Amino acid sequence: MIRIDRQKCVGCGGCVDLCPQAAIGFFEDFAIIHKGLCFECRTCVKVCPMKAPQEI
């Protein structure tokens, strides 16, 4: 499972733009992952310069 660490997310939107499933959106200026759409390709983990998306 992948989650967004809100203390690391700066709301840049890079993960939103690159998610092939459109499974990432914004809530209160932070990225959120829509669990039903995410198939854990880990693209967000690879592209985030802040390391906000994390595998748990």
N, C-alpha and C. Protein backbone atom coordinates (compact mmCIF):
# COMPACT_ATOMS: atom_id res chain seq x y z
N MET A 1 0.85 -1.18 0.00
CA MET A 1 0.00 0.00 0.00
C MET A 1 0.89 1.24 0.00
N ILE A 2 0.48 2.25 -0.72
CA ILE A 2 1.21 3.51 -0.78
C ILE A 2 0.36 4.60 -0.13
N ARG A 3 1.02 5.44 0.65
CA ARG A 3 0.34 6.57 1.27
C ARG A 3 1.21 7.80 1.10
N ILE A 4 0.60 8.97 1.26
CA ILE A 4 1.31 10.24 1.17
C ILE A 4 1.63 10.75 2.57
N ASP A 5 2.88 11.02 2.83
CA ASP A 5 3.30 11.62 4.09
C ASP A 5 3.04 13.12 3.99
N ARG A 6 2.05 13.61 4.70
CA ARG A 6 1.65 15.02 4.61
C ARG A 6 2.72 15.97 5.11
N GLN A 7 3.60 15.50 5.94
CA GLN A 7 4.67 16.38 6.43
C GLN A 7 5.74 16.60 5.36
N LYS A 8 5.78 15.72 4.37
CA LYS A 8 6.77 15.85 3.30
C LYS A 8 6.17 16.44 2.02
N CYS A 9 4.88 16.28 1.82
CA CYS A 9 4.23 16.74 0.59
C CYS A 9 4.17 18.27 0.56
N VAL A 10 4.64 18.84 -0.57
CA VAL A 10 4.60 20.29 -0.73
C VAL A 10 3.52 20.71 -1.74
N GLY A 11 2.75 19.75 -2.23
CA GLY A 11 1.65 20.05 -3.14
C GLY A 11 2.08 20.48 -4.53
N CYS A 12 3.21 19.98 -5.00
CA CYS A 12 3.72 20.41 -6.32
C CYS A 12 2.90 19.85 -7.48
N GLY A 13 2.25 18.70 -7.28
CA GLY A 13 1.41 18.11 -8.31
C GLY A 13 2.12 17.19 -9.29
N GLY A 14 3.40 17.00 -9.12
CA GLY A 14 4.15 16.12 -10.03
C GLY A 14 3.60 14.71 -10.05
N CYS A 15 3.24 14.17 -8.92
CA CYS A 15 2.70 12.81 -8.86
C CYS A 15 1.31 12.75 -9.50
N VAL A 16 0.55 13.82 -9.35
CA VAL A 16 -0.79 13.88 -9.94
C VAL A 16 -0.69 13.81 -11.46
N ASP A 17 0.23 14.59 -12.01
CA ASP A 17 0.41 14.65 -13.46
C ASP A 17 0.92 13.34 -14.05
N LEU A 18 1.73 12.60 -13.30
CA LEU A 18 2.38 11.41 -13.85
C LEU A 18 1.70 10.09 -13.51
N CYS A 19 0.71 10.10 -12.65
CA CYS A 19 0.03 8.86 -12.28
C CYS A 19 -0.73 8.30 -13.48
N PRO A 20 -0.39 7.09 -13.94
CA PRO A 20 -1.04 6.53 -15.11
C PRO A 20 -2.51 6.15 -14.89
N GLN A 21 -2.93 6.04 -13.65
CA GLN A 21 -4.31 5.66 -13.34
C GLN A 21 -5.16 6.84 -12.89
N ALA A 22 -4.58 8.03 -12.85
CA ALA A 22 -5.26 9.21 -12.30
C ALA A 22 -5.80 8.92 -10.91
N ALA A 23 -4.96 8.25 -10.11
CA ALA A 23 -5.36 7.82 -8.77
C ALA A 23 -4.94 8.81 -7.68
N ILE A 24 -4.32 9.92 -8.08
CA ILE A 24 -3.86 10.89 -7.09
C ILE A 24 -4.56 12.22 -7.35
N GLY A 25 -5.04 12.80 -6.27
CA GLY A 25 -5.70 14.10 -6.35
C GLY A 25 -5.21 14.99 -5.23
N PHE A 26 -5.92 16.08 -5.00
CA PHE A 26 -5.54 17.01 -3.93
C PHE A 26 -6.67 17.16 -2.93
N PHE A 27 -6.31 17.32 -1.68
CA PHE A 27 -7.23 17.63 -0.60
C PHE A 27 -6.47 18.53 0.36
N GLU A 28 -6.98 19.71 0.61
CA GLU A 28 -6.34 20.67 1.51
C GLU A 28 -4.87 20.91 1.13
N ASP A 29 -4.61 21.07 -0.16
CA ASP A 29 -3.27 21.37 -0.69
C ASP A 29 -2.26 20.25 -0.54
N PHE A 30 -2.71 19.04 -0.27
CA PHE A 30 -1.83 17.88 -0.19
C PHE A 30 -2.32 16.83 -1.17
N ALA A 31 -1.40 16.05 -1.69
CA ALA A 31 -1.77 14.94 -2.56
C ALA A 31 -2.43 13.85 -1.72
N ILE A 32 -3.41 13.20 -2.32
CA ILE A 32 -4.05 12.03 -1.70
C ILE A 32 -4.15 10.94 -2.76
N ILE A 33 -4.11 9.71 -2.32
CA ILE A 33 -4.21 8.57 -3.22
C ILE A 33 -5.59 7.96 -3.09
N HIS A 34 -6.28 7.81 -4.20
CA HIS A 34 -7.58 7.15 -4.23
C HIS A 34 -7.32 5.65 -4.31
N LYS A 35 -7.48 4.98 -3.20
CA LYS A 35 -7.10 3.57 -3.07
C LYS A 35 -7.76 2.66 -4.11
N GLY A 36 -8.99 2.94 -4.47
CA GLY A 36 -9.69 2.11 -5.43
C GLY A 36 -9.13 2.20 -6.84
N LEU A 37 -8.42 3.27 -7.15
CA LEU A 37 -7.85 3.46 -8.48
C LEU A 37 -6.38 3.08 -8.56
N CYS A 38 -5.69 3.15 -7.44
CA CYS A 38 -4.24 2.90 -7.40
C CYS A 38 -3.95 1.41 -7.56
N PHE A 39 -3.08 1.07 -8.51
CA PHE A 39 -2.67 -0.32 -8.63
C PHE A 39 -1.20 -0.50 -8.24
N GLU A 40 -0.69 0.46 -7.48
CA GLU A 40 0.63 0.42 -6.87
C GLU A 40 1.76 0.23 -7.87
N CYS A 41 1.75 1.04 -8.92
CA CYS A 41 2.82 1.00 -9.91
C CYS A 41 4.09 1.67 -9.39
N ARG A 42 3.94 2.47 -8.34
CA ARG A 42 5.02 3.16 -7.67
C ARG A 42 5.64 4.31 -8.48
N THR A 43 4.95 4.77 -9.50
CA THR A 43 5.44 5.91 -10.26
C THR A 43 5.57 7.13 -9.35
N CYS A 44 4.61 7.34 -8.49
CA CYS A 44 4.65 8.49 -7.57
C CYS A 44 5.85 8.40 -6.63
N VAL A 45 6.15 7.20 -6.17
CA VAL A 45 7.29 7.00 -5.27
C VAL A 45 8.58 7.36 -6.00
N LYS A 46 8.67 6.99 -7.26
CA LYS A 46 9.88 7.21 -8.05
C LYS A 46 10.09 8.68 -8.42
N VAL A 47 9.01 9.43 -8.66
CA VAL A 47 9.15 10.79 -9.18
C VAL A 47 9.13 11.90 -8.12
N CYS A 48 8.67 11.63 -6.95
CA CYS A 48 8.53 12.68 -5.94
C CYS A 48 9.89 13.10 -5.37
N PRO A 49 10.28 14.37 -5.57
CA PRO A 49 11.56 14.83 -5.04
C PRO A 49 11.56 14.95 -3.51
N MET A 50 10.36 15.03 -2.92
CA MET A 50 10.24 15.18 -1.47
C MET A 50 10.09 13.83 -0.76
N LYS A 51 9.96 12.76 -1.52
CA LYS A 51 9.77 11.41 -0.96
C LYS A 51 8.51 11.31 -0.12
N ALA A 52 7.46 12.04 -0.53
CA ALA A 52 6.20 12.03 0.21
C ALA A 52 5.40 10.73 0.03
N PRO A 53 5.29 10.18 -1.19
CA PRO A 53 4.61 8.89 -1.32
C PRO A 53 5.53 7.78 -0.76
N GLN A 54 4.95 6.98 0.11
CA GLN A 54 5.74 5.94 0.76
C GLN A 54 4.99 4.62 0.76
N GLU A 55 5.72 3.55 0.62
CA GLU A 55 5.13 2.23 0.73
C GLU A 55 5.02 1.87 2.20
N ILE A 56 3.85 1.36 2.59
CA ILE A 56 3.67 0.93 3.99
C ILE A 56 3.22 -0.50 4.02
